[in-house]
Every structure is written in C-alpha cells, then in structure tokens.
PDB file of N, CA and C in Angstrom:
ATOM      1  N   MET A   1       0.844  -1.176   0.000  1.00  0.00           N
ATOM      2  CA  MET A   1       0.000   0.000   0.000  1.00  0.00           C
ATOM      3  C   MET A   1       0.888   1.237   0.000  1.00  0.00           C
ATOM      4  N   LYS A   2       0.536   2.196  -0.760  1.00  0.00           N
ATOM      5  CA  LYS A   2       1.257   3.471  -0.821  1.00  0.00           C
ATOM      6  C   LYS A   2       0.627   4.456   0.165  1.00  0.00           C
ATOM      7  N   VAL A   3       1.372   5.472   0.565  1.00  0.00           N
ATOM      8  CA  VAL A   3       0.866   6.484   1.498  1.00  0.00           C
ATOM      9  C   VAL A   3      -0.401   7.124   0.943  1.00  0.00           C
ATOM     10  N   LYS A   4      -0.423   7.427  -0.356  1.00  0.00           N
ATOM     11  CA  LYS A   4      -1.611   8.065  -0.939  1.00  0.00           C
ATOM     12  C   LYS A   4      -2.842   7.172  -0.801  1.00  0.00           C
ATOM     13  N   ASP A   5      -2.661   5.843  -0.918  1.00  0.00           N
ATOM     14  CA  ASP A   5      -3.774   4.901  -0.750  1.00  0.00           C
ATOM     15  C   ASP A   5      -4.248   4.879   0.702  1.00  0.00           C
ATOM     16  N   LEU A   6      -3.307   4.899   1.630  1.00  0.00           N
ATOM     17  CA  LEU A   6      -3.646   4.915   3.046  1.00  0.00           C
ATOM     18  C   LEU A   6      -4.418   6.185   3.411  1.00  0.00           C
ATOM     19  N   ILE A   7      -3.946   7.325   2.918  1.00  0.00           N
ATOM     20  CA  ILE A   7      -4.628   8.596   3.179  1.00  0.00           C
ATOM     21  C   ILE A   7      -6.051   8.547   2.646  1.00  0.00           C
ATOM     22  N   GLN A   8      -6.209   8.039   1.440  1.00  0.00           N
ATOM     23  CA  GLN A   8      -7.533   7.951   0.829  1.00  0.00           C
ATOM     24  C   GLN A   8      -8.482   7.096   1.679  1.00  0.00           C
ATOM     25  N   GLU A   9      -7.987   5.975   2.183  1.00  0.00           N
ATOM     26  CA  GLU A   9      -8.816   5.106   3.027  1.00  0.00           C
ATOM     27  C   GLU A   9      -9.108   5.741   4.378  1.00  0.00           C
ATOM     28  N   LEU A  10      -8.103   6.384   4.978  1.00  0.00           N
ATOM     29  CA  LEU A  10      -8.292   7.007   6.290  1.00  0.00           C
ATOM     30  C   LEU A  10      -9.281   8.162   6.237  1.00  0.00           C
ATOM     31  N   GLN A  11      -9.346   8.862   5.112  1.00  0.00           N
ATOM     32  CA  GLN A  11     -10.269   9.990   4.984  1.00  0.00           C
ATOM     33  C   GLN A  11     -11.732   9.546   5.059  1.00  0.00           C
ATOM     34  N   LYS A  12     -11.993   8.278   4.849  1.00  0.00           N
ATOM     35  CA  LYS A  12     -13.356   7.745   4.918  1.00  0.00           C
ATOM     36  C   LYS A  12     -13.788   7.447   6.353  1.00  0.00           C
ATOM     37  N   LEU A  13     -12.847   7.487   7.286  1.00  0.00           N
ATOM     38  CA  LEU A  13     -13.102   7.066   8.663  1.00  0.00           C
ATOM     39  C   LEU A  13     -13.257   8.237   9.616  1.00  0.00           C
ATOM     40  N   ASP A  14     -13.847   7.939  10.760  1.00  0.00           N
ATOM     41  CA  ASP A  14     -13.950   8.901  11.856  1.00  0.00           C
ATOM     42  C   ASP A  14     -12.527   9.233  12.318  1.00  0.00           C
ATOM     43  N   PRO A  15     -12.145  10.505  12.340  1.00  0.00           N
ATOM     44  CA  PRO A  15     -10.776  10.871  12.728  1.00  0.00           C
ATOM     45  C   PRO A  15     -10.443  10.567  14.194  1.00  0.00           C
ATOM     46  N   GLU A  16     -11.441  10.203  14.991  1.00  0.00           N
ATOM     47  CA  GLU A  16     -11.212   9.869  16.397  1.00  0.00           C
ATOM     48  C   GLU A  16     -10.975   8.383  16.627  1.00  0.00           C
ATOM     49  N   LEU A  17     -11.025   7.560  15.580  1.00  0.00           N
ATOM     50  CA  LEU A  17     -10.773   6.128  15.737  1.00  0.00           C
ATOM     51  C   LEU A  17      -9.321   5.881  16.157  1.00  0.00           C
ATOM     52  N   LEU A  18      -9.128   4.868  16.974  1.00  0.00           N
ATOM     53  CA  LEU A  18      -7.802   4.470  17.425  1.00  0.00           C
ATOM     54  C   LEU A  18      -7.119   3.648  16.322  1.00  0.00           C
ATOM     55  N   VAL A  19      -5.851   3.922  16.057  1.00  0.00           N
ATOM     56  CA  VAL A  19      -5.076   3.170  15.064  1.00  0.00           C
ATOM     57  C   VAL A  19      -4.202   2.179  15.815  1.00  0.00           C
ATOM     58  N   VAL A  20      -4.310   0.888  15.431  1.00  0.00           N
ATOM     59  CA  VAL A  20      -3.566  -0.173  16.112  1.00  0.00           C
ATOM     60  C   VAL A  20      -2.820  -1.044  15.108  1.00  0.00           C
ATOM     61  N   VAL A  21      -1.839  -1.786  15.621  1.00  0.00           N
ATOM     62  CA  VAL A  21      -1.111  -2.807  14.851  1.00  0.00           C
ATOM     63  C   VAL A  21      -1.187  -4.110  15.642  1.00  0.00           C
ATOM     64  N   ALA A  22      -0.964  -5.209  14.948  1.00  0.00           N
ATOM     65  CA  ALA A  22      -1.010  -6.517  15.597  1.00  0.00           C
ATOM     66  C   ALA A  22       0.045  -6.605  16.698  1.00  0.00           C
ATOM     67  N   GLY A  23      -0.321  -7.233  17.814  1.00  0.00           N
ATOM     68  CA  GLY A  23       0.621  -7.491  18.889  1.00  0.00           C
ATOM     69  C   GLY A  23       1.526  -8.662  18.541  1.00  0.00           C
ATOM     70  N   TYR A  24       2.515  -8.908  19.354  1.00  0.00           N
ATOM     71  CA  TYR A  24       3.519  -9.945  19.069  1.00  0.00           C
ATOM     72  C   TYR A  24       2.903 -11.334  18.962  1.00  0.00           C
ATOM     73  N   GLU A  25       2.144 -11.749  19.962  1.00  0.00           N
ATOM     74  CA  GLU A  25       1.530 -13.083  19.921  1.00  0.00           C
ATOM     75  C   GLU A  25       0.031 -13.009  20.096  1.00  0.00           C
ATOM     76  N   GLY A  26      -0.543 -11.896  19.741  1.00  0.00           N
ATOM     77  CA  GLY A  26      -1.980 -11.706  19.862  1.00  0.00           C
ATOM     78  C   GLY A  26      -2.272 -10.308  20.357  1.00  0.00           C
ATOM     79  N   GLY A  27      -3.539  -9.967  20.372  1.00  0.00           N
ATOM     80  CA  GLY A  27      -3.927  -8.634  20.802  1.00  0.00           C
ATOM     81  C   GLY A  27      -3.454  -7.573  19.823  1.00  0.00           C
ATOM     82  N   VAL A  28      -3.617  -6.319  20.205  1.00  0.00           N
ATOM     83  CA  VAL A  28      -3.199  -5.197  19.369  1.00  0.00           C
ATOM     84  C   VAL A  28      -2.527  -4.141  20.230  1.00  0.00           C
ATOM     85  N   ASP A  29      -1.710  -3.309  19.600  1.00  0.00           N
ATOM     86  CA  ASP A  29      -1.040  -2.196  20.261  1.00  0.00           C
ATOM     87  C   ASP A  29      -1.355  -0.914  19.510  1.00  0.00           C
ATOM     88  N   GLU A  30      -1.463   0.185  20.244  1.00  0.00           N
ATOM     89  CA  GLU A  30      -1.698   1.498  19.646  1.00  0.00           C
ATOM     90  C   GLU A  30      -0.458   1.951  18.877  1.00  0.00           C
ATOM     91  N   VAL A  31      -0.653   2.514  17.689  1.00  0.00           N
ATOM     92  CA  VAL A  31       0.458   3.085  16.922  1.00  0.00           C
ATOM     93  C   VAL A  31       0.913   4.360  17.621  1.00  0.00           C
ATOM     94  N   LYS A  32       2.195   4.455  17.890  1.00  0.00           N
ATOM     95  CA  LYS A  32       2.736   5.619  18.588  1.00  0.00           C
ATOM     96  C   LYS A  32       3.715   6.414  17.727  1.00  0.00           C
ATOM     97  N   ASN A  33       4.165   5.803  16.609  1.00  0.00           N
ATOM     98  CA  ASN A  33       5.219   6.445  15.833  1.00  0.00           C
ATOM     99  C   ASN A  33       5.159   5.985  14.377  1.00  0.00           C
ATOM    100  N   LEU A  34       5.569   6.850  13.487  1.00  0.00           N
ATOM    101  CA  LEU A  34       5.784   6.516  12.079  1.00  0.00           C
ATOM    102  C   LEU A  34       7.254   6.772  11.789  1.00  0.00           C
ATOM    103  N   THR A  35       7.930   5.799  11.221  1.00  0.00           N
ATOM    104  CA  THR A  35       9.350   5.944  10.931  1.00  0.00           C
ATOM    105  C   THR A  35       9.602   5.583   9.479  1.00  0.00           C
ATOM    106  N   GLN A  36      10.359   6.429   8.791  1.00  0.00           N
ATOM    107  CA  GLN A  36      10.693   6.153   7.396  1.00  0.00           C
ATOM    108  C   GLN A  36      11.929   5.257   7.347  1.00  0.00           C
ATOM    109  N   TYR A  37      11.851   4.219   6.532  1.00  0.00           N
ATOM    110  CA  TYR A  37      12.930   3.257   6.369  1.00  0.00           C
ATOM    111  C   TYR A  37      13.156   2.962   4.898  1.00  0.00           C
ATOM    112  N   LYS A  38      14.294   2.382   4.607  1.00  0.00           N
ATOM    113  CA  LYS A  38      14.494   1.694   3.342  1.00  0.00           C
ATOM    114  C   LYS A  38      13.891   0.309   3.550  1.00  0.00           C
ATOM    115  N   ILE A  39      13.107  -0.172   2.601  1.00  0.00           N
ATOM    116  CA  ILE A  39      12.440  -1.460   2.693  1.00  0.00           C
ATOM    117  C   ILE A  39      13.006  -2.392   1.632  1.00  0.00           C
ATOM    118  N   GLU A  40      13.472  -3.547   2.071  1.00  0.00           N
ATOM    119  CA  GLU A  40      13.952  -4.571   1.143  1.00  0.00           C
ATOM    120  C   GLU A  40      12.765  -5.479   0.819  1.00  0.00           C
ATOM    121  N   LEU A  41      12.320  -5.431  -0.433  1.00  0.00           N
ATOM    122  CA  LEU A  41      11.153  -6.203  -0.840  1.00  0.00           C
ATOM    123  C   LEU A  41      11.467  -7.695  -0.906  1.00  0.00           C
ATOM    124  N   ASP A  42      10.519  -8.505  -0.473  1.00  0.00           N
ATOM    125  CA  ASP A  42      10.581  -9.974  -0.546  1.00  0.00           C
ATOM    126  C   ASP A  42      11.791 -10.584   0.159  1.00  0.00           C
ATOM    127  N   ALA A  43      12.318  -9.901   1.162  1.00  0.00           N
ATOM    128  CA  ALA A  43      13.487 -10.404   1.892  1.00  0.00           C
ATOM    129  C   ALA A  43      13.177 -11.691   2.647  1.00  0.00           C
ATOM    130  N   HIS A  44      11.928 -11.835   3.102  1.00  0.00           N
ATOM    131  CA  HIS A  44      11.545 -12.986   3.925  1.00  0.00           C
ATOM    132  C   HIS A  44      10.396 -13.778   3.307  1.00  0.00           C
ATOM    133  N   LYS A  45      10.203 -13.674   2.012  1.00  0.00           N
ATOM    134  CA  LYS A  45       9.006 -14.276   1.405  1.00  0.00           C
ATOM    135  C   LYS A  45       8.911 -15.786   1.603  1.00  0.00           C
ATOM    136  N   ASP A  46      10.027 -16.451   1.848  1.00  0.00           N
ATOM    137  CA  ASP A  46      10.014 -17.900   2.041  1.00  0.00           C
ATOM    138  C   ASP A  46       9.961 -18.304   3.514  1.00  0.00           C
ATOM    139  N   TRP A  47       9.904 -17.333   4.427  1.00  0.00           N
ATOM    140  CA  TRP A  47       9.893 -17.613   5.863  1.00  0.00           C
ATOM    141  C   TRP A  47       8.499 -17.309   6.402  1.00  0.00           C
ATOM    142  N   ALA A  48       7.763 -18.326   6.761  1.00  0.00           N
ATOM    143  CA  ALA A  48       6.359 -18.180   7.152  1.00  0.00           C
ATOM    144  C   ALA A  48       6.176 -17.330   8.405  1.00  0.00           C
ATOM    145  N   PHE A  49       7.164 -17.285   9.300  1.00  0.00           N
ATOM    146  CA  PHE A  49       6.987 -16.591  10.573  1.00  0.00           C
ATOM    147  C   PHE A  49       7.451 -15.143  10.550  1.00  0.00           C
ATOM    148  N   PHE A  50       7.986 -14.660   9.422  1.00  0.00           N
ATOM    149  CA  PHE A  50       8.371 -13.250   9.256  1.00  0.00           C
ATOM    150  C   PHE A  50       7.423 -12.595   8.264  1.00  0.00           C
ATOM    151  N   GLY A  51       7.374 -11.275   8.266  1.00  0.00           N
ATOM    152  CA  GLY A  51       6.684 -10.566   7.195  1.00  0.00           C
ATOM    153  C   GLY A  51       7.481 -10.737   5.898  1.00  0.00           C
ATOM    154  N   ASP A  52       6.860 -10.455   4.770  1.00  0.00           N
ATOM    155  CA  ASP A  52       7.525 -10.648   3.472  1.00  0.00           C
ATOM    156  C   ASP A  52       8.747  -9.756   3.288  1.00  0.00           C
ATOM    157  N   HIS A  53       8.685  -8.535   3.815  1.00  0.00           N
ATOM    158  CA  HIS A  53       9.719  -7.537   3.552  1.00  0.00           C
ATOM    159  C   HIS A  53      10.522  -7.232   4.818  1.00  0.00           C
ATOM    160  N   SER A  54      11.646  -6.524   4.645  1.00  0.00           N
ATOM    161  CA  SER A  54      12.496  -6.168   5.777  1.00  0.00           C
ATOM    162  C   SER A  54      12.705  -4.659   5.821  1.00  0.00           C
ATOM    163  N   ALA A  55      12.495  -4.044   6.994  1.00  0.00           N
ATOM    164  CA  ALA A  55      12.816  -2.636   7.207  1.00  0.00           C
ATOM    165  C   ALA A  55      14.295  -2.575   7.559  1.00  0.00           C
ATOM    166  N   LEU A  56      15.069  -1.883   6.742  1.00  0.00           N
ATOM    167  CA  LEU A  56      16.521  -1.851   6.930  1.00  0.00           C
ATOM    168  C   LEU A  56      16.929  -0.667   7.798  1.00  0.00           C
ATOM    169  N   TYR A  57      17.598  -0.950   8.882  1.00  0.00           N
ATOM    170  CA  TYR A  57      18.149   0.103   9.728  1.00  0.00           C
ATOM    171  C   TYR A  57      19.439   0.628   9.112  1.00  0.00           C
ATOM    172  N   ASP A  58      20.099  -0.214   8.351  1.00  0.00           N
ATOM    173  CA  ASP A  58      21.328   0.135   7.634  1.00  0.00           C
ATOM    174  C   ASP A  58      21.287  -0.598   6.298  1.00  0.00           C
ATOM    175  N   ILE A  59      21.548   0.091   5.219  1.00  0.00           N
ATOM    176  CA  ILE A  59      21.480  -0.512   3.882  1.00  0.00           C
ATOM    177  C   ILE A  59      22.421  -1.710   3.758  1.00  0.00           C
ATOM    178  N   GLU A  60      23.450  -1.751   4.579  1.00  0.00           N
ATOM    179  CA  GLU A  60      24.398  -2.871   4.551  1.00  0.00           C
ATOM    180  C   GLU A  60      23.793  -4.150   5.150  1.00  0.00           C
ATOM    181  N   ASP A  61      22.657  -4.038   5.822  1.00  0.00           N
ATOM    182  CA  ASP A  61      22.001  -5.194   6.444  1.00  0.00           C
ATOM    183  C   ASP A  61      21.108  -5.972   5.487  1.00  0.00           C
ATOM    184  N   ARG A  62      21.072  -5.599   4.227  1.00  0.00           N
ATOM    185  CA  ARG A  62      20.179  -6.261   3.278  1.00  0.00           C
ATOM    186  C   ARG A  62      20.520  -7.743   3.162  1.00  0.00           C
ATOM    187  N   PHE A  63      19.517  -8.545   2.825  1.00  0.00           N
ATOM    188  CA  PHE A  63      19.679  -9.992   2.745  1.00  0.00           C
ATOM    189  C   PHE A  63      20.259 -10.448   1.417  1.00  0.00           C
ATOM    190  N   SER A  64      20.053  -9.659   0.359  1.00  0.00           N
ATOM    191  CA  SER A  64      20.532 -10.042  -0.963  1.00  0.00           C
ATOM    192  C   SER A  64      20.987  -8.804  -1.717  1.00  0.00           C
ATOM    193  N   LEU A  65      22.131  -8.892  -2.368  1.00  0.00           N
ATOM    194  CA  LEU A  65      22.631  -7.755  -3.139  1.00  0.00           C
ATOM    195  C   LEU A  65      21.779  -7.491  -4.374  1.00  0.00           C
ATOM    196  N   SER A  66      20.988  -8.475  -4.792  1.00  0.00           N
ATOM    197  CA  SER A  66      20.144  -8.297  -5.979  1.00  0.00           C
ATOM    198  C   SER A  66      18.708  -7.912  -5.635  1.00  0.00           C
ATOM    199  N   SER A  67      18.414  -7.684  -4.348  1.00  0.00           N
ATOM    200  CA  SER A  67      17.047  -7.363  -3.939  1.00  0.00           C
ATOM    201  C   SER A  67      16.672  -5.938  -4.328  1.00  0.00           C
ATOM    202  N   THR A  68      15.376  -5.685  -4.344  1.00  0.00           N
ATOM    203  CA  THR A  68      14.844  -4.356  -4.637  1.00  0.00           C
ATOM    204  C   THR A  68      14.647  -3.606  -3.329  1.00  0.00           C
ATOM    205  N   ILE A  69      15.179  -2.365  -3.277  1.00  0.00           N
ATOM    206  CA  ILE A  69      15.064  -1.514  -2.092  1.00  0.00           C
ATOM    207  C   ILE A  69      14.197  -0.319  -2.443  1.00  0.00           C
ATOM    208  N   VAL A  70      13.185  -0.044  -1.604  1.00  0.00           N
ATOM    209  CA  VAL A  70      12.306   1.113  -1.816  1.00  0.00           C
ATOM    210  C   VAL A  70      12.199   1.899  -0.521  1.00  0.00           C
ATOM    211  N   ASP A  71      11.724   3.148  -0.609  1.00  0.00           N
ATOM    212  CA  ASP A  71      11.448   3.946   0.583  1.00  0.00           C
ATOM    213  C   ASP A  71      10.085   3.552   1.126  1.00  0.00           C
ATOM    214  N   GLY A  72       9.956   3.521   2.436  1.00  0.00           N
ATOM    215  CA  GLY A  72       8.687   3.156   3.037  1.00  0.00           C
ATOM    216  C   GLY A  72       8.532   3.752   4.423  1.00  0.00           C
ATOM    217  N   VAL A  73       7.338   3.594   4.976  1.00  0.00           N
ATOM    218  CA  VAL A  73       7.012   4.077   6.318  1.00  0.00           C
ATOM    219  C   VAL A  73       6.531   2.906   7.142  1.00  0.00           C
ATOM    220  N   LYS A  74       7.074   2.776   8.335  1.00  0.00           N
ATOM    221  CA  LYS A  74       6.685   1.690   9.246  1.00  0.00           C
ATOM    222  C   LYS A  74       5.898   2.286  10.406  1.00  0.00           C
ATOM    223  N   LEU A  75       4.723   1.720  10.667  1.00  0.00           N
ATOM    224  CA  LEU A  75       3.923   2.116  11.833  1.00  0.00           C
ATOM    225  C   LEU A  75       4.474   1.357  13.027  1.00  0.00           C
ATOM    226  N   GLU A  76       4.752   2.073  14.103  1.00  0.00           N
ATOM    227  CA  GLU A  76       5.378   1.421  15.244  1.00  0.00           C
ATOM    228  C   GLU A  76       4.586   1.677  16.525  1.00  0.00           C
ATOM    229  N   LYS A  77       4.679   0.697  17.420  1.00  0.00           N
ATOM    230  CA  LYS A  77       3.998   0.824  18.715  1.00  0.00           C
ATOM    231  C   LYS A  77       4.898   1.424  19.749  1.00  0.00           C
TER     232      LYS A  77
END
C-alpha cells in the first residue's frame, strides 16, 4: 500500500478512531510512531513466521545484493 492509498482510506473514517497494529503473539497495540525506512522487498518471502519484507536500519544489512530496495514508512507501537 502506498501512502496516498492509506490517506484515501483514512479519509473515509472517523478521525477519532484508534489506530492499532497486531501485537507480538496476539492482541493489538496502539500506533505511537511513524518511521521512514528503506524497505527490502521480498526479503523474507520464504519464511512463514516473518513478514515478506524487511525494514533496513542500515542498507548494509540487506539480505541479498540483488534485492529491490524502496522507501517506506513503518507504523510502530
């Protein structure tokens, strides 16, 4: 999802709704921060217990030199 798509969807909602993300092993947590990262696409696509992509704290941490890196925003608790 792109930021413009998220904005478009959020504009349809009550601005007082609470925004949450999935908890570690259940439940939900309130979003407290948005952080911009470089995102390595499909870094974990073969690992069922990770998300498909990786938020890179350092570009040198990428999993593959041939992977695609894009700018992204991570919602954080």
